[in-house]
C-alpha atoms as a PDB file:
ATOM      1  CA  UNK A   1     -22.003 -90.491  68.932  1.00  0.00           C
ATOM      2  CA  UNK A   2     -23.287 -93.869  70.306  1.00  0.00           C
ATOM      3  CA  UNK A   3     -21.412 -96.792  72.057  1.00  0.00           C
ATOM      4  CA  UNK A   4     -22.702-100.032  73.408  1.00  0.00           C
ATOM      5  CA  UNK A   5     -21.196-102.733  75.305  1.00  0.00           C
ATOM      6  CA  UNK A   6     -22.259-106.185  76.591  1.00  0.00           C
ATOM      7  CA  UNK A   7     -20.609-107.809  79.782  1.00  0.00           C
ATOM      8  CA  UNK A   8     -20.604-111.259  81.006  1.00  0.00           C
ATOM      9  CA  UNK A   9     -21.746-111.023  84.761  1.00  0.00           C
ATOM     10  CA  UNK A  10     -19.922-114.258  85.758  1.00  0.00           C
ATOM     11  CA  UNK A  11     -16.575-112.705  84.470  1.00  0.00           C
ATOM     12  CA  UNK A  12     -16.965-109.981  86.746  1.00  0.00           C
ATOM     13  CA  UNK A  13     -17.990-112.521  89.646  1.00  0.00           C
ATOM     14  CA  UNK A  14     -14.632-114.271  88.797  1.00  0.00           C
ATOM     15  CA  UNK A  15     -12.738-111.235  88.954  1.00  0.00           C
ATOM     16  CA  UNK A  16     -13.961-110.161  92.368  1.00  0.00           C
ATOM     17  CA  UNK A  17     -13.622-113.653  93.558  1.00  0.00           C
ATOM     18  CA  UNK A  18      -9.845-113.565  92.731  1.00  0.00           C
ATOM     19  CA  UNK A  19      -8.986-109.928  93.537  1.00  0.00           C
ATOM     20  CA  UNK A  20     -11.644-108.392  95.672  1.00  0.00           C
ATOM     21  CA  UNK A  21     -11.746-104.657  95.980  1.00  0.00           C
ATOM     22  CA  UNK A  22      -8.371-104.574  94.391  1.00  0.00           C
ATOM     23  CA  UNK A  23      -9.588-105.883  90.950  1.00  0.00           C
ATOM     24  CA  UNK A  24     -12.697-103.121  90.982  1.00  0.00           C
ATOM     25  CA  UNK A  25     -10.145-100.736  91.663  1.00  0.00           C
ATOM     26  CA  UNK A  26      -8.613-101.435  88.044  1.00  0.00           C
ATOM     27  CA  UNK A  27     -11.765 -99.914  86.436  1.00  0.00           C
ATOM     28  CA  UNK A  28     -13.775 -98.057  89.209  1.00  0.00           C
ATOM     29  CA  UNK A  29     -13.217 -95.360  91.787  1.00  0.00           C
ATOM     30  CA  UNK A  30     -13.620 -95.723  95.435  1.00  0.00           C
ATOM     31  CA  UNK A  31     -16.824 -93.464  95.099  1.00  0.00           C
ATOM     32  CA  UNK A  32     -17.952 -95.688  92.315  1.00  0.00           C
ATOM     33  CA  UNK A  33     -17.152 -98.856  94.215  1.00  0.00           C
ATOM     34  CA  UNK A  34     -19.757 -97.555  96.873  1.00  0.00           C
ATOM     35  CA  UNK A  35     -22.509 -97.690  94.262  1.00  0.00           C
ATOM     36  CA  UNK A  36     -22.061-101.272  93.387  1.00  0.00           C
ATOM     37  CA  UNK A  37     -23.037-104.154  95.399  1.00  0.00           C
ATOM     38  CA  UNK A  38     -23.047-107.251  93.656  1.00  0.00           C
ATOM     39  CA  UNK A  39     -21.361-108.986  90.512  1.00  0.00           C
ATOM     40  CA  UNK A  40     -24.393-107.540  88.011  1.00  0.00           C
ATOM     41  CA  UNK A  41     -23.850-103.989  89.192  1.00  0.00           C
ATOM     42  CA  UNK A  42     -19.717-104.345  88.515  1.00  0.00           C
ATOM     43  CA  UNK A  43     -20.522-105.664  85.151  1.00  0.00           C
ATOM     44  CA  UNK A  44     -22.869-102.883  84.222  1.00  0.00           C
ATOM     45  CA  UNK A  45     -20.433-100.300  85.227  1.00  0.00           C
ATOM     46  CA  UNK A  46     -17.583-102.156  83.213  1.00  0.00           C
ATOM     47  CA  UNK A  47     -20.091-102.110  80.148  1.00  0.00           C
ATOM     48  CA  UNK A  48     -20.924 -98.457  80.665  1.00  0.00           C
ATOM     49  CA  UNK A  49     -17.411 -97.303  80.616  1.00  0.00           C
ATOM     50  CA  UNK A  50     -16.827 -99.703  77.574  1.00  0.00           C
ATOM     51  CA  UNK A  51     -19.766 -98.054  75.785  1.00  0.00           C
ATOM     52  CA  UNK A  52     -18.361 -94.852  76.716  1.00  0.00           C
ATOM     53  CA  UNK A  53     -15.166 -94.994  75.204  1.00  0.00           C
ATOM     54  CA  UNK A  54     -16.608 -96.516  72.161  1.00  0.00           C
ATOM     55  CA  UNK A  55     -19.092 -93.701  71.998  1.00  0.00           C
ATOM     56  CA  UNK A  56     -15.989 -91.465  71.771  1.00  0.00           C
ATOM     57  CA  UNK A  57     -14.600 -93.697  68.857  1.00  0.00           C
ATOM     58  CA  UNK A  58     -11.518 -94.877  70.794  1.00  0.00           C
ATOM     59  CA  UNK A  59     -11.948 -97.761  73.138  1.00  0.00           C
ATOM     60  CA  UNK A  60     -10.365 -98.155  76.332  1.00  0.00           C
ATOM     61  CA  UNK A  61      -6.742 -97.605  75.983  1.00  0.00           C
ATOM     62  CA  UNK A  62      -4.226 -94.614  75.715  1.00  0.00           C
ATOM     63  CA  UNK A  63      -6.555 -92.037  74.599  1.00  0.00           C
ATOM     64  CA  UNK A  64      -9.226 -92.865  77.078  1.00  0.00           C
ATOM     65  CA  UNK A  65      -8.778 -94.816  80.518  1.00  0.00           C
ATOM     66  CA  UNK A  66     -11.460 -96.469  82.597  1.00  0.00           C
ATOM     67  CA  UNK A  67     -10.572 -93.556  85.133  1.00  0.00           C
ATOM     68  CA  UNK A  68     -11.549 -90.885  82.494  1.00  0.00           C
ATOM     69  CA  UNK A  69     -15.037 -92.102  82.744  1.00  0.00           C
ATOM     70  CA  UNK A  70     -17.142 -91.515  86.073  1.00  0.00           C
ATOM     71  CA  UNK A  71     -20.403 -93.092  86.677  1.00  0.00           C
ATOM     72  CA  UNK A  72     -22.906 -91.331  89.291  1.00  0.00           C
ATOM     73  CA  UNK A  73     -26.371 -92.498  90.390  1.00  0.00           C
ATOM     74  CA  UNK A  74     -29.136 -89.778  90.687  1.00  0.00           C
ATOM     75  CA  UNK A  75     -31.526 -89.610  93.629  1.00  0.00           C
ATOM     76  CA  UNK A  76     -33.841 -91.915  91.870  1.00  0.00           C
ATOM     77  CA  UNK A  77     -31.122 -94.581  91.342  1.00  0.00           C
ATOM     78  CA  UNK A  78     -30.694 -93.753  87.531  1.00  0.00           C
ATOM     79  CA  UNK A  79     -27.063 -94.262  86.406  1.00  0.00           C
ATOM     80  CA  UNK A  80     -25.636 -91.244  84.746  1.00  0.00           C
ATOM     81  CA  UNK A  81     -22.108 -90.676  83.221  1.00  0.00           C
ATOM     82  CA  UNK A  82     -19.380 -88.027  82.909  1.00  0.00           C
ATOM     83  CA  UNK A  83     -16.196 -87.925  81.183  1.00  0.00           C
ATOM     84  CA  UNK A  84     -13.251 -85.955  82.633  1.00  0.00           C
ATOM     85  CA  UNK A  85     -13.092 -82.237  81.384  1.00  0.00           C
ATOM     86  CA  UNK A  86     -10.106 -83.044  79.031  1.00  0.00           C
ATOM     87  CA  UNK A  87     -11.771 -85.986  77.367  1.00  0.00           C
ATOM     88  CA  UNK A  88     -15.106 -83.714  77.016  1.00  0.00           C
ATOM     89  CA  UNK A  89     -12.892 -80.823  75.648  1.00  0.00           C
ATOM     90  CA  UNK A  90     -10.676 -83.128  72.932  1.00  0.00           C
ATOM     91  CA  UNK A  91     -14.068 -84.941  71.734  1.00  0.00           C
ATOM     92  CA  UNK A  92     -16.322 -81.736  71.892  1.00  0.00           C
ATOM     93  CA  UNK A  93     -19.018 -83.712  74.109  1.00  0.00           C
ATOM     94  CA  UNK A  94     -21.588 -81.431  75.384  1.00  0.00           C
ATOM     95  CA  UNK A  95     -23.834 -84.115  77.442  1.00  0.00           C
ATOM     96  CA  UNK A  96     -23.875 -87.804  77.877  1.00  0.00           C
ATOM     97  CA  UNK A  97     -26.609 -90.222  78.577  1.00  0.00           C
ATOM     98  CA  UNK A  98     -26.387 -93.856  79.880  1.00  0.00           C
ATOM     99  CA  UNK A  99     -28.595 -96.726  80.362  1.00  0.00           C
ATOM    100  CA  UNK A 100     -27.581 -99.817  81.599  1.00  0.00           C
ATOM    101  CA  UNK A 101     -29.648-103.213  81.810  1.00  0.00           C
ATOM    102  CA  UNK A 102     -29.348-106.850  82.755  1.00  0.00           C
ATOM    103  CA  UNK A 103     -30.621-109.863  81.787  1.00  0.00           C
ATOM    104  CA  UNK A 104     -29.478-113.641  82.587  1.00  0.00           C
ATOM    105  CA  UNK A 105     -25.620-113.383  82.735  1.00  0.00           C
ATOM    106  CA  UNK A 106     -25.240-110.299  80.739  1.00  0.00           C
ATOM    107  CA  UNK A 107     -25.148-106.497  81.594  1.00  0.00           C
ATOM    108  CA  UNK A 108     -25.475-104.352  78.793  1.00  0.00           C
ATOM    109  CA  UNK A 109     -24.948-100.418  78.485  1.00  0.00           C
ATOM    110  CA  UNK A 110     -25.551 -97.893  75.803  1.00  0.00           C
ATOM    111  CA  UNK A 111     -24.006 -94.324  75.922  1.00  0.00           C
ATOM    112  CA  UNK A 112     -25.079 -91.671  73.870  1.00  0.00           C
ATOM    113  CA  UNK A 113     -23.103 -88.440  73.437  1.00  0.00           C
ATOM    114  CA  UNK A 114     -24.497 -85.085  72.282  1.00  0.00           C
ATOM    115  CA  UNK A 115     -21.782 -83.127  70.448  1.00  0.00           C
ATOM    116  CA  UNK A 116     -21.166 -79.238  70.522  1.00  0.00           C
ATOM    117  CA  UNK A 117     -21.966 -77.823  67.215  1.00  0.00           C
END
């Protein structure tokens, strides 16, 4: 399953300008906030979580929330993604792969899930 999302960076800049860390906590954990330092990073993580929810066919909502998806960085700086256990089990996810890119005022993320057979 594949999911993709595009997020406008200036939208995240406005969110942070208005709400600060409280705004980020709506879609990021405290550990994830430590990994982001600028609006383009916030937007990339937002896009990644939206793409991940689309890759399971639900979108963000009742079946999968922002908090059901965790983003980490490998020592190389490469982002990686993991769903909470109940989501992996419910949707039969074996592994997930994430790519995030930025260009101009856009952050784009793609998530590919490998499903159990």
